[in-house]
Amino acid sequence: MISYKFHQAREIVLALADKELLGKKFSEGEKILTVNNFFRGEIVEEEEIKDLVKKATIINAVGDRVTKAIIDAGLANKSAIKTVENIPHIQTIIMD
């Protein structure tokens, strides 16, 4: 299961996280990754991510399942993955 939430200002940010990571904080050296309320929203299956990303201009994704879905959809390369305590994280901008 994946949690998602849209944030809108000038851009539409889609925050995605593997559900089990919600509320957790990871640190490695100076790197800190907090999966806070920014990511807490509706719960969906991984298959639904492809439809959600069509509405976004920026994607912020945390977790094994969601980063794999973003890469499989062709929205980011594996080289874009950053990790903190082996938790993958991708930030990407969708360009038309």
N, C-alpha and C. Protein backbone atom coordinates (compact mmCIF):
# COMPACT_ATOMS: atom_id res chain seq x y z
N MET A 1 0.84 -1.18 0.00
CA MET A 1 0.00 0.00 0.00
C MET A 1 0.89 1.24 0.00
N ILE A 2 0.41 2.26 -0.67
CA ILE A 2 1.12 3.52 -0.83
C ILE A 2 0.25 4.65 -0.31
N SER A 3 0.86 5.58 0.40
CA SER A 3 0.16 6.80 0.82
C SER A 3 0.53 7.89 -0.15
N TYR A 4 -0.46 8.72 -0.54
CA TYR A 4 -0.14 9.84 -1.42
C TYR A 4 -0.90 11.08 -0.97
N LYS A 5 -0.32 12.24 -1.34
CA LYS A 5 -0.94 13.51 -1.02
C LYS A 5 -0.46 14.53 -2.04
N PHE A 6 -1.38 15.32 -2.58
CA PHE A 6 -1.02 16.40 -3.49
C PHE A 6 -0.86 17.69 -2.71
N HIS A 7 0.14 18.49 -3.10
CA HIS A 7 0.37 19.83 -2.54
C HIS A 7 0.42 20.77 -3.73
N GLN A 8 -0.25 21.91 -3.64
CA GLN A 8 -0.25 22.81 -4.79
C GLN A 8 0.05 24.24 -4.36
N ALA A 9 1.02 24.81 -5.05
CA ALA A 9 1.34 26.24 -4.96
C ALA A 9 1.44 26.67 -6.42
N ARG A 10 2.64 26.97 -6.87
CA ARG A 10 2.82 27.22 -8.31
C ARG A 10 2.88 25.91 -9.08
N GLU A 11 3.42 24.90 -8.44
CA GLU A 11 3.54 23.57 -9.03
C GLU A 11 2.63 22.61 -8.27
N ILE A 12 2.40 21.44 -8.85
CA ILE A 12 1.63 20.41 -8.16
C ILE A 12 2.61 19.32 -7.73
N VAL A 13 2.82 19.23 -6.43
CA VAL A 13 3.75 18.26 -5.87
C VAL A 13 2.96 17.03 -5.42
N LEU A 14 3.42 15.87 -5.88
CA LEU A 14 2.85 14.61 -5.45
C LEU A 14 3.83 13.95 -4.49
N ALA A 15 3.43 13.81 -3.24
CA ALA A 15 4.25 13.16 -2.22
C ALA A 15 3.77 11.73 -2.07
N LEU A 16 4.68 10.78 -2.25
CA LEU A 16 4.35 9.35 -2.20
C LEU A 16 5.26 8.65 -1.21
N ALA A 17 4.73 7.74 -0.43
CA ALA A 17 5.55 6.96 0.49
C ALA A 17 4.95 5.58 0.70
N ASP A 18 5.82 4.59 0.82
CA ASP A 18 5.35 3.27 1.23
C ASP A 18 4.69 3.44 2.59
N LYS A 19 3.51 2.90 2.75
CA LYS A 19 2.68 3.14 3.93
C LYS A 19 3.40 2.86 5.24
N GLU A 20 4.19 1.79 5.29
CA GLU A 20 4.85 1.42 6.54
C GLU A 20 5.94 2.39 6.98
N LEU A 21 6.33 3.32 6.10
CA LEU A 21 7.36 4.31 6.44
C LEU A 21 6.78 5.58 7.07
N LEU A 22 5.46 5.75 6.98
CA LEU A 22 4.84 6.97 7.52
C LEU A 22 5.16 7.13 9.00
N GLY A 23 5.56 8.34 9.37
CA GLY A 23 5.87 8.66 10.75
C GLY A 23 7.27 8.28 11.20
N LYS A 24 8.08 7.76 10.29
CA LYS A 24 9.43 7.34 10.66
C LYS A 24 10.48 8.36 10.22
N LYS A 25 11.62 8.31 10.91
CA LYS A 25 12.73 9.21 10.62
C LYS A 25 13.99 8.37 10.47
N PHE A 26 14.76 8.65 9.43
CA PHE A 26 15.97 7.91 9.14
C PHE A 26 17.14 8.89 9.07
N SER A 27 18.29 8.48 9.55
CA SER A 27 19.46 9.35 9.47
C SER A 27 20.70 8.52 9.18
N GLU A 28 21.61 9.16 8.46
CA GLU A 28 22.86 8.52 8.07
C GLU A 28 23.89 9.62 7.90
N GLY A 29 24.79 9.74 8.85
CA GLY A 29 25.73 10.86 8.81
C GLY A 29 24.95 12.16 8.93
N GLU A 30 25.14 13.05 7.97
CA GLU A 30 24.43 14.34 7.98
C GLU A 30 23.10 14.28 7.25
N LYS A 31 22.80 13.17 6.60
CA LYS A 31 21.55 13.03 5.87
C LYS A 31 20.42 12.61 6.80
N ILE A 32 19.28 13.30 6.69
CA ILE A 32 18.09 12.97 7.47
C ILE A 32 16.91 12.87 6.53
N LEU A 33 16.12 11.83 6.67
CA LEU A 33 14.91 11.63 5.88
C LEU A 33 13.75 11.42 6.84
N THR A 34 12.81 12.35 6.85
CA THR A 34 11.65 12.28 7.74
C THR A 34 10.41 12.06 6.89
N VAL A 35 9.72 10.98 7.13
CA VAL A 35 8.51 10.65 6.37
C VAL A 35 7.33 11.10 7.24
N ASN A 36 7.06 12.39 7.18
CA ASN A 36 6.09 13.03 8.07
C ASN A 36 4.74 13.25 7.38
N ASN A 37 3.95 14.16 7.91
CA ASN A 37 2.60 14.43 7.39
C ASN A 37 2.60 14.94 5.95
N PHE A 38 3.73 15.43 5.47
CA PHE A 38 3.84 15.83 4.07
C PHE A 38 3.45 14.67 3.16
N PHE A 39 3.73 13.45 3.59
CA PHE A 39 3.46 12.25 2.80
C PHE A 39 2.15 11.56 3.18
N ARG A 40 1.55 11.93 4.29
CA ARG A 40 0.36 11.23 4.79
C ARG A 40 -0.88 11.72 4.04
N GLY A 41 -1.58 10.80 3.43
CA GLY A 41 -2.79 11.16 2.68
C GLY A 41 -3.62 9.93 2.38
N GLU A 42 -4.14 9.86 1.19
CA GLU A 42 -4.96 8.72 0.77
C GLU A 42 -4.08 7.49 0.60
N ILE A 43 -4.65 6.31 0.81
CA ILE A 43 -3.92 5.05 0.66
C ILE A 43 -4.42 4.36 -0.62
N VAL A 44 -3.47 3.99 -1.47
CA VAL A 44 -3.80 3.33 -2.74
C VAL A 44 -2.84 2.17 -2.98
N GLU A 45 -3.15 1.36 -3.96
CA GLU A 45 -2.26 0.29 -4.40
C GLU A 45 -1.23 0.87 -5.36
N GLU A 46 -0.09 0.19 -5.51
CA GLU A 46 0.98 0.67 -6.39
C GLU A 46 0.51 0.91 -7.82
N GLU A 47 -0.43 0.08 -8.28
CA GLU A 47 -0.90 0.18 -9.66
C GLU A 47 -1.54 1.53 -9.96
N GLU A 48 -2.02 2.21 -8.95
CA GLU A 48 -2.71 3.49 -9.14
C GLU A 48 -1.76 4.67 -9.30
N ILE A 49 -0.48 4.45 -9.04
CA ILE A 49 0.49 5.55 -9.12
C ILE A 49 0.55 6.15 -10.53
N LYS A 50 0.45 5.31 -11.55
CA LYS A 50 0.54 5.81 -12.93
C LYS A 50 -0.50 6.88 -13.23
N ASP A 51 -1.69 6.73 -12.67
CA ASP A 51 -2.74 7.74 -12.88
C ASP A 51 -2.46 9.00 -12.05
N LEU A 52 -1.95 8.82 -10.84
CA LEU A 52 -1.69 9.97 -9.96
C LEU A 52 -0.61 10.89 -10.53
N VAL A 53 0.44 10.31 -11.09
CA VAL A 53 1.56 11.14 -11.57
C VAL A 53 1.17 12.02 -12.75
N LYS A 54 0.11 11.67 -13.45
CA LYS A 54 -0.35 12.49 -14.58
C LYS A 54 -0.80 13.88 -14.14
N LYS A 55 -1.14 14.03 -12.85
CA LYS A 55 -1.62 15.30 -12.32
C LYS A 55 -0.50 16.15 -11.70
N ALA A 56 0.70 15.60 -11.61
CA ALA A 56 1.78 16.24 -10.86
C ALA A 56 2.82 16.88 -11.79
N THR A 57 3.51 17.89 -11.26
CA THR A 57 4.66 18.46 -11.95
C THR A 57 5.95 18.15 -11.20
N ILE A 58 5.83 17.83 -9.93
CA ILE A 58 6.98 17.43 -9.11
C ILE A 58 6.57 16.19 -8.32
N ILE A 59 7.48 15.21 -8.25
CA ILE A 59 7.22 13.99 -7.48
C ILE A 59 8.29 13.84 -6.42
N ASN A 60 7.86 13.56 -5.21
CA ASN A 60 8.73 13.29 -4.08
C ASN A 60 8.31 11.92 -3.55
N ALA A 61 9.16 10.90 -3.73
CA ALA A 61 8.78 9.53 -3.43
C ALA A 61 9.78 8.87 -2.49
N VAL A 62 9.25 8.13 -1.48
CA VAL A 62 10.09 7.46 -0.49
C VAL A 62 9.63 6.02 -0.31
N GLY A 63 10.57 5.08 -0.42
CA GLY A 63 10.27 3.68 -0.17
C GLY A 63 10.58 2.80 -1.36
N ASP A 64 10.78 1.52 -1.10
CA ASP A 64 11.13 0.57 -2.15
C ASP A 64 10.07 0.45 -3.23
N ARG A 65 8.82 0.24 -2.83
CA ARG A 65 7.75 0.00 -3.81
C ARG A 65 7.47 1.24 -4.65
N VAL A 66 7.39 2.38 -4.01
CA VAL A 66 7.02 3.59 -4.75
C VAL A 66 8.15 4.05 -5.67
N THR A 67 9.40 3.95 -5.24
CA THR A 67 10.50 4.35 -6.13
C THR A 67 10.60 3.40 -7.32
N LYS A 68 10.35 2.10 -7.08
CA LYS A 68 10.33 1.15 -8.19
C LYS A 68 9.22 1.51 -9.18
N ALA A 69 8.06 1.87 -8.69
CA ALA A 69 6.94 2.25 -9.57
C ALA A 69 7.28 3.49 -10.39
N ILE A 70 7.95 4.46 -9.79
CA ILE A 70 8.33 5.69 -10.50
C ILE A 70 9.34 5.37 -11.60
N ILE A 71 10.31 4.52 -11.30
CA ILE A 71 11.30 4.12 -12.30
C ILE A 71 10.65 3.29 -13.40
N ASP A 72 9.80 2.33 -13.03
CA ASP A 72 9.11 1.49 -14.02
C ASP A 72 8.23 2.30 -14.94
N ALA A 73 7.69 3.42 -14.44
CA ALA A 73 6.85 4.30 -15.27
C ALA A 73 7.69 5.20 -16.17
N GLY A 74 9.00 5.13 -16.05
CA GLY A 74 9.88 5.94 -16.89
C GLY A 74 9.99 7.39 -16.45
N LEU A 75 9.64 7.68 -15.20
CA LEU A 75 9.65 9.06 -14.71
C LEU A 75 10.96 9.45 -14.04
N ALA A 76 11.82 8.47 -13.80
CA ALA A 76 13.14 8.74 -13.21
C ALA A 76 14.05 7.56 -13.54
N ASN A 77 15.34 7.80 -13.47
CA ASN A 77 16.33 6.74 -13.66
C ASN A 77 16.79 6.23 -12.31
N LYS A 78 17.32 5.01 -12.30
CA LYS A 78 17.84 4.45 -11.05
C LYS A 78 18.92 5.35 -10.45
N SER A 79 19.64 6.06 -11.32
CA SER A 79 20.72 6.94 -10.84
C SER A 79 20.18 8.11 -10.01
N ALA A 80 18.87 8.36 -10.08
CA ALA A 80 18.26 9.46 -9.32
C ALA A 80 17.96 9.07 -7.88
N ILE A 81 18.07 7.79 -7.57
CA ILE A 81 17.75 7.32 -6.22
C ILE A 81 18.83 7.73 -5.23
N LYS A 82 18.41 8.34 -4.15
CA LYS A 82 19.27 8.63 -3.00
C LYS A 82 18.78 7.71 -1.88
N THR A 83 19.67 7.33 -0.98
CA THR A 83 19.25 6.48 0.13
C THR A 83 19.72 7.05 1.46
N VAL A 84 18.92 6.79 2.47
CA VAL A 84 19.26 7.06 3.86
C VAL A 84 18.87 5.81 4.63
N GLU A 85 19.84 5.20 5.29
CA GLU A 85 19.62 3.92 5.97
C GLU A 85 18.97 2.90 5.03
N ASN A 86 19.42 2.86 3.80
CA ASN A 86 18.93 1.94 2.77
C ASN A 86 17.47 2.19 2.38
N ILE A 87 16.90 3.32 2.77
CA ILE A 87 15.55 3.69 2.34
C ILE A 87 15.69 4.56 1.09
N PRO A 88 15.15 4.12 -0.06
CA PRO A 88 15.29 4.90 -1.29
C PRO A 88 14.36 6.11 -1.33
N HIS A 89 14.85 7.17 -1.96
CA HIS A 89 14.11 8.43 -2.08
C HIS A 89 14.40 9.02 -3.46
N ILE A 90 13.36 9.46 -4.14
CA ILE A 90 13.51 10.11 -5.44
C ILE A 90 12.73 11.43 -5.43
N GLN A 91 13.36 12.46 -5.97
CA GLN A 91 12.65 13.71 -6.26
C GLN A 91 12.85 13.96 -7.75
N THR A 92 11.76 14.23 -8.45
CA THR A 92 11.85 14.45 -9.88
C THR A 92 10.85 15.51 -10.33
N ILE A 93 11.20 16.19 -11.40
CA ILE A 93 10.33 17.19 -12.01
C ILE A 93 9.83 16.62 -13.34
N ILE A 94 8.54 16.73 -13.58
CA ILE A 94 7.94 16.24 -14.82
C ILE A 94 7.95 17.39 -15.82
N MET A 95 8.62 17.19 -16.93
CA MET A 95 8.71 18.21 -17.97
C MET A 95 7.88 17.75 -19.17
N ASP A 96 7.01 18.61 -19.64
CA ASP A 96 6.22 18.28 -20.84
C ASP A 96 6.96 18.69 -22.09
